[in-house]
Protein backbone atom coordinates (compact mmCIF):
# COMPACT_ATOMS: atom_id res chain seq x y z
CA UNK A 1 -106.53 -15.02 -46.76
CA UNK A 2 -103.76 -16.21 -44.67
CA UNK A 3 -103.45 -13.05 -42.50
CA UNK A 4 -107.22 -13.50 -41.58
CA UNK A 5 -106.80 -16.88 -40.62
CA UNK A 6 -104.05 -15.73 -38.40
CA UNK A 7 -106.60 -13.48 -36.44
CA UNK A 8 -109.04 -16.32 -36.63
CA UNK A 9 -106.68 -18.61 -34.97
CA UNK A 10 -105.68 -15.93 -32.20
CA UNK A 11 -109.67 -15.62 -31.49
CA UNK A 12 -109.55 -19.33 -30.88
CA UNK A 13 -106.59 -19.19 -28.69
CA UNK A 14 -108.32 -16.29 -26.76
CA UNK A 15 -111.86 -17.46 -26.59
CA UNK A 16 -111.47 -21.60 -26.61
CA UNK A 17 -107.95 -21.87 -24.68
CA UNK A 18 -107.94 -18.57 -22.52
CA UNK A 19 -104.50 -17.87 -23.43
CA UNK A 20 -103.17 -14.52 -21.71
CA UNK A 21 -102.75 -11.43 -23.80
CA UNK A 22 -99.02 -11.35 -23.70
CA UNK A 23 -99.14 -14.85 -24.91
CA UNK A 24 -101.56 -14.01 -27.80
CA UNK A 25 -99.39 -11.05 -28.71
CA UNK A 26 -96.03 -13.44 -28.98
CA UNK A 27 -98.19 -15.67 -31.31
CA UNK A 28 -99.39 -12.72 -33.35
CA UNK A 29 -95.84 -11.50 -33.99
CA UNK A 30 -94.48 -14.91 -34.98
CA UNK A 31 -97.31 -15.82 -37.28
CA UNK A 32 -97.58 -12.46 -39.13
CA UNK A 33 -93.98 -12.89 -39.79
CA UNK A 34 -94.43 -16.21 -41.09
CA UNK A 35 -97.04 -15.00 -43.61
CA UNK A 36 -95.17 -12.15 -44.58
CA UNK A 37 -92.36 -14.17 -45.45
CA UNK A 38 -94.30 -16.36 -47.87
CA UNK A 39 -95.01 -15.53 -51.64
CA UNK A 40 -98.47 -17.39 -51.57
CA UNK A 41 -101.47 -15.96 -49.51
CA UNK A 42 -103.65 -19.16 -50.10
CA UNK A 43 -103.49 -21.86 -47.38
CA UNK A 44 -104.10 -24.64 -50.38
CA UNK A 45 -100.64 -23.38 -51.71
CA UNK A 46 -98.63 -24.08 -48.33
CA UNK A 47 -96.51 -26.96 -49.28
CA UNK A 48 -93.67 -28.93 -47.59
CA UNK A 49 -91.08 -27.04 -49.51
CA UNK A 50 -92.20 -23.61 -48.43
CA UNK A 51 -92.17 -25.26 -44.90
CA UNK A 52 -88.79 -26.17 -45.08
CA UNK A 53 -87.60 -23.00 -46.94
CA UNK A 54 -88.98 -21.22 -43.81
CA UNK A 55 -87.33 -23.33 -41.25
CA UNK A 56 -84.11 -22.97 -43.08
CA UNK A 57 -84.18 -19.08 -43.42
CA UNK A 58 -84.69 -19.17 -39.59
CA UNK A 59 -81.64 -21.43 -39.05
CA UNK A 60 -79.77 -19.22 -41.34
CA UNK A 61 -80.56 -15.81 -39.47
CA UNK A 62 -78.85 -14.52 -36.59
CA UNK A 63 -81.71 -15.21 -34.15
CA UNK A 64 -81.03 -17.03 -30.84
CA UNK A 65 -81.74 -20.90 -31.19
CA UNK A 66 -84.50 -20.40 -28.48
CA UNK A 67 -86.33 -17.79 -30.75
CA UNK A 68 -86.04 -20.27 -33.54
CA UNK A 69 -87.57 -22.85 -31.64
CA UNK A 70 -90.42 -20.70 -30.61
CA UNK A 71 -91.12 -19.43 -34.18
CA UNK A 72 -91.25 -22.91 -35.34
CA UNK A 73 -93.45 -24.04 -32.47
CA UNK A 74 -95.89 -21.39 -33.35
CA UNK A 75 -96.37 -21.81 -37.02
CA UNK A 76 -96.63 -25.64 -36.28
CA UNK A 77 -99.40 -25.31 -34.12
CA UNK A 78 -101.33 -22.65 -36.57
CA UNK A 79 -100.78 -25.54 -39.30
CA UNK A 80 -102.19 -27.99 -36.65
CA UNK A 81 -105.36 -25.82 -36.30
CA UNK A 82 -105.65 -24.96 -39.78
CA UNK A 83 -105.78 -29.04 -40.62
CA UNK A 84 -108.33 -29.35 -37.75
CA UNK A 85 -110.58 -26.74 -38.89
CA UNK A 86 -110.69 -28.42 -42.41
CA UNK A 87 -108.62 -25.46 -44.09
CA UNK A 88 -105.69 -27.50 -44.88
CA UNK A 89 -105.71 -31.16 -46.09
CA UNK A 90 -102.12 -31.85 -45.06
CA UNK A 91 -99.73 -30.23 -42.69
CA UNK A 92 -96.65 -28.85 -44.34
CA UNK A 93 -94.75 -29.16 -41.38
CA UNK A 94 -95.69 -32.82 -40.42
CA UNK A 95 -92.47 -34.11 -41.92
CA UNK A 96 -89.89 -31.85 -40.67
CA UNK A 97 -87.90 -33.11 -37.74
CA UNK A 98 -88.40 -30.80 -34.58
CA UNK A 99 -85.34 -29.20 -33.09
CA UNK A 100 -84.10 -31.09 -30.28
CA UNK A 101 -83.83 -30.07 -26.61
CA UNK A 102 -80.20 -29.26 -25.39
CA UNK A 103 -79.29 -31.88 -23.16
CA UNK A 104 -78.36 -31.21 -19.17
CA UNK A 105 -79.50 -27.51 -18.97
CA UNK A 106 -81.24 -27.43 -17.05
CA UNK A 107 -80.69 -30.97 -15.79
CA UNK A 108 -83.57 -33.55 -16.23
CA UNK A 109 -84.47 -37.20 -16.23
CA UNK A 110 -85.50 -39.56 -18.75
CA UNK A 111 -89.06 -40.72 -18.73
CA UNK A 112 -87.62 -44.03 -17.91
CA UNK A 113 -85.44 -42.69 -14.94
CA UNK A 114 -88.70 -40.69 -13.43
CA UNK A 115 -90.53 -44.16 -13.68
CA UNK A 116 -87.88 -46.11 -11.93
CA UNK A 117 -87.90 -43.47 -9.03
CA UNK A 118 -91.50 -43.36 -8.71
CA UNK A 119 -91.74 -46.99 -8.89
CA UNK A 120 -89.03 -47.44 -6.13
CA UNK A 121 -91.40 -46.16 -3.47
CA UNK A 122 -93.15 -48.99 -1.58
CA UNK A 123 -96.85 -47.81 -1.35
CA UNK A 124 -97.95 -50.40 1.09
CA UNK A 125 -97.66 -48.07 4.18
CA UNK A 126 -99.10 -44.70 4.31
CA UNK A 127 -95.98 -42.83 4.28
CA UNK A 128 -95.26 -44.74 0.90
CA UNK A 129 -98.40 -43.73 -0.50
CA UNK A 130 -97.90 -40.12 0.58
CA UNK A 131 -94.17 -40.10 -0.92
CA UNK A 132 -95.56 -41.62 -4.25
CA UNK A 133 -98.38 -39.23 -4.42
CA UNK A 134 -95.70 -36.08 -3.82
CA UNK A 135 -93.70 -37.19 -6.74
CA UNK A 136 -96.40 -37.83 -9.16
CA UNK A 137 -97.21 -34.36 -8.52
CA UNK A 138 -93.95 -32.84 -9.15
CA UNK A 139 -93.54 -34.66 -12.28
CA UNK A 140 -97.08 -34.72 -13.55
CA UNK A 141 -98.27 -31.36 -12.65
CA UNK A 142 -94.59 -29.64 -13.12
CA UNK A 143 -95.16 -27.94 -9.50
CA UNK A 144 -92.59 -25.85 -7.73
CA UNK A 145 -91.61 -27.26 -4.16
CA UNK A 146 -93.48 -24.39 -2.54
CA UNK A 147 -96.50 -25.11 -4.86
CA UNK A 148 -96.60 -28.64 -3.68
CA UNK A 149 -96.19 -28.34 -0.03
CA UNK A 150 -98.83 -25.66 0.09
CA UNK A 151 -101.58 -27.71 -1.85
CA UNK A 152 -104.67 -28.01 0.11
CA UNK A 153 -107.31 -30.60 -0.46
CA UNK A 154 -109.65 -27.88 -1.67
CA UNK A 155 -107.25 -27.10 -4.43
CA UNK A 156 -108.08 -30.23 -6.37
CA UNK A 157 -110.52 -30.37 -9.08
CA UNK A 158 -110.59 -34.38 -10.01
CA UNK A 159 -113.41 -34.16 -12.51
CA UNK A 160 -112.02 -31.15 -14.32
CA UNK A 161 -108.32 -32.72 -14.23
CA UNK A 162 -106.59 -29.60 -12.67
CA UNK A 163 -105.04 -27.98 -9.47
CA UNK A 164 -105.46 -24.64 -8.36
CA UNK A 165 -102.09 -23.40 -7.63
CA UNK A 166 -100.98 -20.08 -6.12
CA UNK A 167 -97.51 -19.56 -7.61
CA UNK A 168 -94.72 -17.03 -7.54
CA UNK A 169 -96.04 -13.37 -6.92
CA UNK A 170 -99.37 -14.78 -5.75
CA UNK A 171 -100.40 -15.41 -9.09
CA UNK A 172 -102.89 -18.31 -9.57
CA UNK A 173 -102.87 -20.64 -12.31
CA UNK A 174 -104.40 -24.21 -13.07
CA UNK A 175 -102.12 -26.77 -13.34
CA UNK A 176 -102.94 -30.14 -15.14
CA UNK A 177 -103.84 -33.04 -13.03
CA UNK A 178 -102.65 -36.33 -14.97
CA UNK A 179 -104.05 -39.61 -14.63
CA UNK A 180 -101.37 -41.35 -12.65
CA UNK A 181 -101.13 -38.28 -10.46
CA UNK A 182 -104.88 -38.39 -10.05
CA UNK A 183 -104.79 -42.31 -9.17
CA UNK A 184 -102.04 -41.57 -6.66
CA UNK A 185 -104.04 -38.86 -4.82
CA UNK A 186 -107.19 -40.79 -4.64
CA UNK A 187 -105.34 -43.60 -3.30
CA UNK A 188 -103.54 -41.44 -0.64
CA UNK A 189 -106.73 -39.80 0.21
CA UNK A 190 -109.11 -42.88 0.53
CA UNK A 191 -106.30 -44.53 2.72
CA UNK A 192 -105.80 -41.69 5.13
CA UNK A 193 -106.77 -42.79 8.52
CA UNK A 194 -107.65 -38.97 9.43
CA UNK A 195 -107.01 -35.58 8.01
CA UNK A 196 -103.60 -34.39 8.94
CA UNK A 197 -104.80 -32.28 12.12
CA UNK A 198 -107.43 -31.04 9.93
CA UNK A 199 -105.39 -28.27 8.78
CA UNK A 200 -106.65 -28.60 4.87
CA UNK A 201 -102.99 -28.82 3.74
CA UNK A 202 -102.85 -32.09 1.46
CA UNK A 203 -99.13 -32.76 2.72
CA UNK A 204 -99.04 -31.95 6.63
CA UNK A 205 -96.99 -32.79 9.28
CA UNK A 206 -98.32 -33.86 12.82
CA UNK A 207 -98.66 -30.18 13.94
CA UNK A 208 -100.93 -29.52 10.88
CA UNK A 209 -98.27 -27.50 9.16
CA UNK A 210 -97.22 -27.77 5.67
CA UNK A 211 -94.67 -30.77 4.76
CA UNK A 212 -90.86 -29.52 5.36
CA UNK A 213 -88.56 -28.98 2.41
CA UNK A 214 -85.97 -31.06 3.93
CA UNK A 215 -88.57 -33.64 4.47
CA UNK A 216 -89.20 -33.88 0.78
CA UNK A 217 -85.54 -34.05 -0.01
CA UNK A 218 -85.18 -36.88 1.95
CA UNK A 219 -88.04 -38.61 0.34
CA UNK A 220 -86.57 -38.09 -3.20
CA UNK A 221 -82.92 -39.16 -1.93
CA UNK A 222 -84.36 -42.41 -0.85
CA UNK A 223 -86.32 -43.16 -3.89
CA UNK A 224 -83.55 -42.06 -6.21
CA UNK A 225 -80.85 -44.37 -4.19
CA UNK A 226 -83.15 -47.28 -4.18
CA UNK A 227 -83.79 -46.88 -8.02
CA UNK A 228 -80.07 -47.04 -8.75
CA UNK A 229 -80.01 -43.49 -10.33
CA UNK A 230 -76.41 -42.15 -9.99
CA UNK A 231 -77.09 -38.46 -11.42
CA UNK A 232 -78.05 -35.67 -8.78
CA UNK A 233 -81.89 -35.21 -8.48
CA UNK A 234 -83.61 -32.48 -6.66
CA UNK A 235 -87.17 -31.72 -6.33
CA UNK A 236 -86.90 -29.08 -9.03
CA UNK A 237 -85.59 -31.76 -11.26
CA UNK A 238 -89.07 -33.37 -11.59
CA UNK A 239 -90.26 -29.81 -12.82
CA UNK A 240 -87.64 -29.56 -15.45
CA UNK A 241 -88.39 -33.02 -16.38
CA UNK A 242 -91.88 -32.31 -17.00
CA UNK A 243 -91.48 -29.15 -19.13
CA UNK A 244 -88.64 -30.94 -21.27
CA UNK A 245 -90.80 -34.06 -21.78
CA UNK A 246 -93.78 -32.08 -23.10
CA UNK A 247 -91.52 -29.94 -25.29
CA UNK A 248 -89.67 -32.85 -26.69
CA UNK A 249 -93.08 -34.42 -27.36
CA UNK A 250 -94.33 -31.60 -29.51
CA UNK A 251 -96.32 -29.57 -27.13
CA UNK A 252 -96.95 -25.85 -27.64
CA UNK A 253 -94.28 -23.69 -26.11
CA UNK A 254 -96.65 -21.01 -24.99
CA UNK A 255 -99.11 -23.83 -23.37
CA UNK A 256 -96.35 -25.04 -21.45
CA UNK A 257 -95.25 -21.73 -20.46
CA UNK A 258 -98.77 -21.20 -18.71
CA UNK A 259 -98.57 -24.92 -17.13
CA UNK A 260 -95.38 -23.81 -15.48
CA UNK A 261 -96.65 -20.33 -14.42
CA UNK A 262 -93.93 -18.46 -15.90
CA UNK A 263 -94.55 -14.84 -16.43
CA UNK A 264 -92.17 -14.43 -19.18
CA UNK A 265 -91.75 -17.13 -22.00
CA UNK A 266 -88.04 -16.49 -22.06
CA UNK A 267 -87.89 -18.35 -18.99
CA UNK A 268 -89.53 -21.48 -20.70
CA UNK A 269 -87.41 -21.08 -23.52
CA UNK A 270 -84.36 -22.56 -22.06
CA UNK A 271 -86.07 -25.83 -22.38
CA UNK A 272 -86.06 -25.54 -26.29
CA UNK A 273 -82.62 -24.46 -27.07
CA UNK A 274 -82.01 -25.88 -30.65
CA UNK A 275 -78.59 -27.89 -30.09
CA UNK A 276 -75.52 -27.57 -32.61
CA UNK A 277 -76.04 -30.90 -34.32
CA UNK A 278 -79.51 -29.99 -35.24
CA UNK A 279 -78.51 -26.68 -36.88
CA UNK A 280 -75.85 -28.43 -38.84
CA UNK A 281 -77.96 -31.08 -39.97
CA UNK A 282 -80.83 -28.61 -41.13
CA UNK A 283 -78.25 -26.20 -42.82
CA UNK A 284 -77.02 -29.53 -44.85
CA UNK A 285 -80.27 -30.75 -45.57
CA UNK A 286 -82.06 -27.38 -47.14
CA UNK A 287 -79.40 -24.83 -47.91
CA UNK A 288 -79.29 -24.53 -51.71
CA UNK A 289 -75.41 -24.50 -51.74
CA UNK A 290 -75.24 -27.52 -49.57
CA UNK A 291 -77.68 -29.17 -52.09
CA UNK A 292 -75.92 -28.19 -55.05
CA UNK A 293 -72.69 -29.42 -53.63
CA UNK A 294 -74.26 -32.81 -53.11
CA UNK A 295 -75.57 -32.96 -56.52
CA UNK A 296 -72.22 -32.23 -58.13
CA UNK A 297 -70.40 -34.65 -55.99
């Protein structure tokens, strides 16, 4: 029963969410391993205790922390789908604490720090509106520097809520265009006195060429200084923050992979390292010997 539901879920991911073949293969492997590890095959018998046991086994294994985080993400998303489709009345993973993201590798900003930096830009001038839009897109859509600077106005789909991006290896993808970034874009475009040399580039210099990398660094440095942020911040820090905040909030690892345009999920996994404190806490919480020791004490 559960095995068939896994296949149904994979079909949903393929048809409804359009996930790539490699992504679906990774999902299938994780979910079939999960199903094979259970003594029950009926969805109704999936309990929080079974979920806890599964997570405990993963933590007690020799798997890398990033792999553990990926597998937990896979089964959690599967359980969410089972609930949404009416198969499960209660998500057995709902009460489990998620693996925390390892700090400072790669470096990222807190949501409050991102807001401070963006809000430090004065949007009363055309330059300020442009600068704010750039930072909103770096953080809101998780763009690489080259992707931001090569954006064209024709790449924006306001109604659909996405950007057409040409990333590394000339690979195309759709990046999300959230509300704050879309609002900043509207304001920026509506208040332009003229298209930048009619080049088609969203951010162009006076010669109609794409805005420069050094120029973007200067914009960020000014905003960071004005916001009073002491830590080093680069254009890529906003992309790191985008990924980390989504995953900390519970987003699906593979969906974030596609948003970032990573060819290999292992690249995305740098944002999902389970830290030592989490491993120790989960071990004490669920390992039978630990629990027995607690009762004896």
